[in-house]
């Protein structure tokens, strides 16, 4: 295992991204984290560094390709290399299609799909040039099953899986992993403005995973030898029917 690998993580100011950054840094990996909340990122980096880990951060808006490209270039400048990117940033404002929440749909498409594509576009040339790399995309159980009031969110997460498989097929020297979490502690549920959908989410989340469960899955995929590609991991609470 090469713990000198440099791991980039988007959406790392809370939730799964933060947990993955802390876990990977604790194992000796060098992490470069990004999100919109720079103050929160800086606090996480300081705590990682105080614990003996190596971490740096940069503000990041995954919906803007120039921002993602700058994020990757800063990581390259800081560490001299990149080995993996965890495309984790995501939104989940659920609602029925009949609510016609166009702005929320557009935002989900921008973050959940374009954000992943931007992460791929910004790192793939380097991975191709160096003859290897690892793209880890965070999907969801909603990328395998469509729930009520979840059509658009599920559509974005199905898209993540499709994009990931295309990336894997086209780039035999690049490892591609999809992590599909079930209900996990995060700020995602707070983005739902539709009352009935929010109640549904609250019920669904009565059985919930801690973020470390997903961080362990990410770490497991990274820790495999470079000739082993863990293509997909679904992580659910044991006591959930979904």
Protein backbone atom coordinates (compact mmCIF):
# COMPACT_ATOMS: atom_id res chain seq x y z
CA UNK A 1 0.00 0.00 0.00
CA UNK A 2 1.37 3.39 -1.01
CA UNK A 3 0.35 5.76 1.76
CA UNK A 4 2.16 8.59 0.01
CA UNK A 5 -0.72 8.73 -2.42
CA UNK A 6 -2.44 12.11 -2.77
CA UNK A 7 -6.22 11.93 -2.46
CA UNK A 8 -8.48 14.80 -3.54
CA UNK A 9 -11.94 15.00 -1.95
CA UNK A 10 -14.80 17.27 -2.98
CA UNK A 11 -17.64 18.24 -0.67
CA UNK A 12 -15.30 17.68 2.27
CA UNK A 13 -16.54 20.32 4.72
CA UNK A 14 -18.94 17.87 6.38
CA UNK A 15 -20.44 14.40 6.21
CA UNK A 16 -18.87 11.64 4.15
CA UNK A 17 -16.19 13.88 2.64
CA UNK A 18 -14.97 15.09 6.01
CA UNK A 19 -14.99 11.56 7.46
CA UNK A 20 -13.02 10.23 4.49
CA UNK A 21 -10.45 13.02 4.78
CA UNK A 22 -9.89 12.33 8.47
CA UNK A 23 -9.67 8.56 8.02
CA UNK A 24 -7.35 8.65 5.02
CA UNK A 25 -5.06 11.19 6.66
CA UNK A 26 -4.94 9.07 9.82
CA UNK A 27 -3.75 6.16 7.67
CA UNK A 28 -0.92 8.25 6.24
CA UNK A 29 -2.39 9.38 2.94
CA UNK A 30 -1.96 13.01 1.90
CA UNK A 31 -5.34 14.66 1.42
CA UNK A 32 -6.40 17.80 -0.41
CA UNK A 33 -9.96 18.81 0.36
CA UNK A 34 -12.38 21.24 -1.21
CA UNK A 35 -15.83 22.72 -0.63
CA UNK A 36 -17.50 26.11 -0.62
CA UNK A 37 -17.06 26.67 3.14
CA UNK A 38 -13.39 27.58 3.39
CA UNK A 39 -13.49 28.37 7.12
CA UNK A 40 -14.84 24.90 7.87
CA UNK A 41 -12.25 23.28 5.57
CA UNK A 42 -9.44 25.15 7.31
CA UNK A 43 -10.66 23.93 10.69
CA UNK A 44 -10.68 20.30 9.48
CA UNK A 45 -7.19 20.67 7.98
CA UNK A 46 -5.83 22.10 11.24
CA UNK A 47 -7.30 19.22 13.25
CA UNK A 48 -5.83 16.68 10.82
CA UNK A 49 -2.42 18.38 10.97
CA UNK A 50 -2.54 18.62 14.77
CA UNK A 51 -3.13 14.85 14.83
CA UNK A 52 -0.02 14.30 12.69
CA UNK A 53 -1.70 13.99 9.31
CA UNK A 54 -0.94 15.78 6.05
CA UNK A 55 -3.78 17.87 4.62
CA UNK A 56 -4.39 21.05 2.69
CA UNK A 57 -7.52 22.68 1.35
CA UNK A 58 -8.92 25.07 -1.21
CA UNK A 59 -12.34 26.63 -1.81
CA UNK A 60 -14.24 24.70 -4.45
CA UNK A 61 -17.45 25.00 -6.44
CA UNK A 62 -17.90 21.74 -8.33
CA UNK A 63 -20.52 23.28 -10.63
CA UNK A 64 -17.81 25.51 -12.11
CA UNK A 65 -15.17 23.70 -14.16
CA UNK A 66 -12.60 26.47 -13.75
CA UNK A 67 -12.95 26.13 -9.97
CA UNK A 68 -12.44 22.35 -10.14
CA UNK A 69 -9.51 22.74 -12.52
CA UNK A 70 -7.91 25.27 -10.17
CA UNK A 71 -8.49 22.91 -7.22
CA UNK A 72 -6.65 20.10 -9.00
CA UNK A 73 -3.79 22.40 -10.08
CA UNK A 74 -3.37 23.65 -6.52
CA UNK A 75 -3.15 20.06 -5.28
CA UNK A 76 -0.54 19.30 -7.94
CA UNK A 77 1.40 22.40 -6.89
CA UNK A 78 1.26 21.45 -3.23
CA UNK A 79 2.12 17.76 -3.52
CA UNK A 80 3.62 17.36 -7.00
CA UNK A 81 1.21 14.58 -7.91
CA UNK A 82 -2.38 13.34 -7.62
CA UNK A 83 -3.40 9.71 -7.31
CA UNK A 84 -7.15 9.71 -6.68
CA UNK A 85 -10.19 11.95 -6.56
CA UNK A 86 -13.31 11.30 -4.50
CA UNK A 87 -16.20 13.06 -6.24
CA UNK A 88 -18.37 13.34 -3.16
CA UNK A 89 -20.17 16.71 -3.37
CA UNK A 90 -23.92 16.21 -3.66
CA UNK A 91 -27.39 17.61 -3.01
CA UNK A 92 -30.70 15.85 -2.22
CA UNK A 93 -33.69 18.24 -2.23
CA UNK A 94 -36.42 15.62 -2.74
CA UNK A 95 -39.88 16.38 -4.08
CA UNK A 96 -42.48 14.79 -6.38
CA UNK A 97 -42.22 15.71 -10.05
CA UNK A 98 -45.63 17.35 -9.74
CA UNK A 99 -44.17 19.96 -7.40
CA UNK A 100 -42.19 21.21 -10.42
CA UNK A 101 -39.25 22.51 -8.40
CA UNK A 102 -37.19 23.44 -11.46
CA UNK A 103 -34.51 25.36 -9.58
CA UNK A 104 -33.89 22.44 -7.23
CA UNK A 105 -33.75 20.01 -10.16
CA UNK A 106 -31.24 22.22 -11.94
CA UNK A 107 -29.09 22.51 -8.83
CA UNK A 108 -29.07 18.74 -8.33
CA UNK A 109 -28.08 18.20 -11.95
CA UNK A 110 -25.33 20.82 -11.64
CA UNK A 111 -23.81 19.39 -8.45
CA UNK A 112 -24.55 15.66 -8.69
CA UNK A 113 -23.83 15.16 -12.40
CA UNK A 114 -21.83 18.10 -13.70
CA UNK A 115 -19.77 18.14 -10.51
CA UNK A 116 -18.72 14.53 -11.10
CA UNK A 117 -17.97 15.22 -14.77
CA UNK A 118 -15.89 18.26 -13.82
CA UNK A 119 -13.90 16.18 -11.34
CA UNK A 120 -13.23 13.60 -14.02
CA UNK A 121 -12.33 16.19 -16.64
CA UNK A 122 -9.89 17.96 -14.32
CA UNK A 123 -8.01 14.81 -13.26
CA UNK A 124 -8.24 12.40 -16.19
CA UNK A 125 -5.53 14.03 -18.36
CA UNK A 126 -3.05 13.66 -15.48
CA UNK A 127 -4.11 10.08 -14.82
CA UNK A 128 -3.73 9.23 -18.50
CA UNK A 129 -0.32 10.90 -18.70
CA UNK A 130 1.04 9.11 -15.63
CA UNK A 131 -0.50 5.79 -16.67
CA UNK A 132 -2.75 5.37 -13.67
CA UNK A 133 -5.08 6.97 -11.16
CA UNK A 134 -8.30 6.34 -9.29
CA UNK A 135 -11.70 8.02 -9.64
CA UNK A 136 -14.14 7.34 -6.80
CA UNK A 137 -17.67 8.59 -7.41
CA UNK A 138 -20.31 8.73 -4.68
CA UNK A 139 -23.69 7.52 -5.92
CA UNK A 140 -26.48 6.23 -3.63
CA UNK A 141 -28.87 3.35 -3.08
CA UNK A 142 -31.17 5.76 -4.94
CA UNK A 143 -28.92 5.11 -7.93
CA UNK A 144 -30.11 1.51 -7.85
CA UNK A 145 -33.75 1.95 -6.85
CA UNK A 146 -36.27 4.76 -7.41
CA UNK A 147 -38.27 5.83 -4.37
CA UNK A 148 -41.36 8.08 -4.26
CA UNK A 149 -40.51 11.80 -4.50
CA UNK A 150 -37.00 10.80 -5.57
CA UNK A 151 -37.15 10.73 -9.39
CA UNK A 152 -34.74 13.55 -10.13
CA UNK A 153 -32.30 12.68 -7.34
CA UNK A 154 -32.34 9.04 -8.43
CA UNK A 155 -31.83 10.17 -12.02
CA UNK A 156 -28.66 12.02 -11.03
CA UNK A 157 -27.33 9.05 -9.08
CA UNK A 158 -28.14 6.54 -11.86
CA UNK A 159 -26.20 8.92 -14.11
CA UNK A 160 -23.18 8.77 -11.79
CA UNK A 161 -23.13 4.99 -12.16
CA UNK A 162 -23.46 5.18 -15.96
CA UNK A 163 -20.71 7.79 -16.27
CA UNK A 164 -18.45 5.74 -14.01
CA UNK A 165 -18.90 2.59 -16.07
CA UNK A 166 -18.15 4.48 -19.27
CA UNK A 167 -15.03 5.93 -17.69
CA UNK A 168 -13.89 2.46 -16.62
CA UNK A 169 -14.43 0.94 -20.06
CA UNK A 170 -12.63 3.75 -21.88
CA UNK A 171 -9.62 3.95 -19.54
CA UNK A 172 -8.17 0.52 -18.70
CA UNK A 173 -5.29 2.02 -16.71
CA UNK A 174 -7.55 4.12 -14.46
CA UNK A 175 -9.34 2.53 -11.52
CA UNK A 176 -12.99 3.58 -11.16
CA UNK A 177 -15.07 2.93 -8.05
CA UNK A 178 -18.69 3.77 -7.30
CA UNK A 179 -19.72 3.94 -3.64
CA UNK A 180 -23.50 3.79 -3.08
CA UNK A 181 -24.45 4.68 0.50
CA UNK A 182 -27.77 4.04 2.11
CA UNK A 183 -29.12 6.52 4.65
CA UNK A 184 -26.06 8.16 6.20
CA UNK A 185 -25.57 10.98 8.69
CA UNK A 186 -25.12 14.13 6.57
CA UNK A 187 -26.54 17.54 5.75
CA UNK A 188 -28.26 16.20 2.61
CA UNK A 189 -31.68 15.85 4.22
CA UNK A 190 -31.62 19.51 5.24
CA UNK A 191 -31.87 20.59 1.59
CA UNK A 192 -35.40 19.16 1.13
CA UNK A 193 -37.98 21.96 1.12
CA UNK A 194 -41.06 19.90 0.15
CA UNK A 195 -42.93 19.13 3.41
CA UNK A 196 -44.17 15.61 2.62
CA UNK A 197 -40.82 14.62 1.15
CA UNK A 198 -39.03 15.91 4.25
CA UNK A 199 -41.31 13.75 6.41
CA UNK A 200 -40.55 10.74 4.22
CA UNK A 201 -36.81 11.36 4.52
CA UNK A 202 -37.11 11.65 8.29
CA UNK A 203 -38.85 8.26 8.45
CA UNK A 204 -36.31 6.69 6.09
CA UNK A 205 -33.45 7.96 8.23
CA UNK A 206 -34.64 6.35 11.46
CA UNK A 207 -32.09 3.64 10.64
CA UNK A 208 -28.92 5.39 9.61
CA UNK A 209 -25.19 4.84 9.05
CA UNK A 210 -22.41 6.87 10.60
CA UNK A 211 -20.17 8.60 8.04
CA UNK A 212 -17.21 6.43 9.05
CA UNK A 213 -18.97 3.46 7.43
CA UNK A 214 -18.69 5.12 4.02
CA UNK A 215 -15.19 6.40 4.76
CA UNK A 216 -14.13 2.79 5.40
CA UNK A 217 -15.55 1.73 2.03
CA UNK A 218 -13.64 4.53 0.28
CA UNK A 219 -10.46 3.59 2.13
CA UNK A 220 -10.89 -0.09 1.25
CA UNK A 221 -11.12 0.71 -2.46
CA UNK A 222 -8.04 2.94 -2.33
CA UNK A 223 -6.00 0.41 -0.35
CA UNK A 224 -6.26 -2.31 -2.99
CA UNK A 225 -3.22 -2.93 -5.22
CA UNK A 226 -3.13 -0.83 -8.38
CA UNK A 227 -4.08 -3.86 -10.50
CA UNK A 228 -7.29 -4.39 -8.49
CA UNK A 229 -10.33 -2.21 -9.26
CA UNK A 230 -13.18 -2.37 -6.77
CA UNK A 231 -15.87 -1.31 -9.20
CA UNK A 232 -18.80 -0.81 -6.84
CA UNK A 233 -19.69 -0.97 -3.16
CA UNK A 234 -23.21 -0.62 -1.73
CA UNK A 235 -23.28 0.18 1.99
CA UNK A 236 -26.59 0.01 3.85
CA UNK A 237 -27.63 -0.07 7.50
CA UNK A 238 -28.18 -3.72 8.45
CA UNK A 239 -31.74 -3.11 9.62
CA UNK A 240 -33.06 -1.29 6.55
CA UNK A 241 -35.38 -2.83 3.93
CA UNK A 242 -34.18 -0.42 1.23
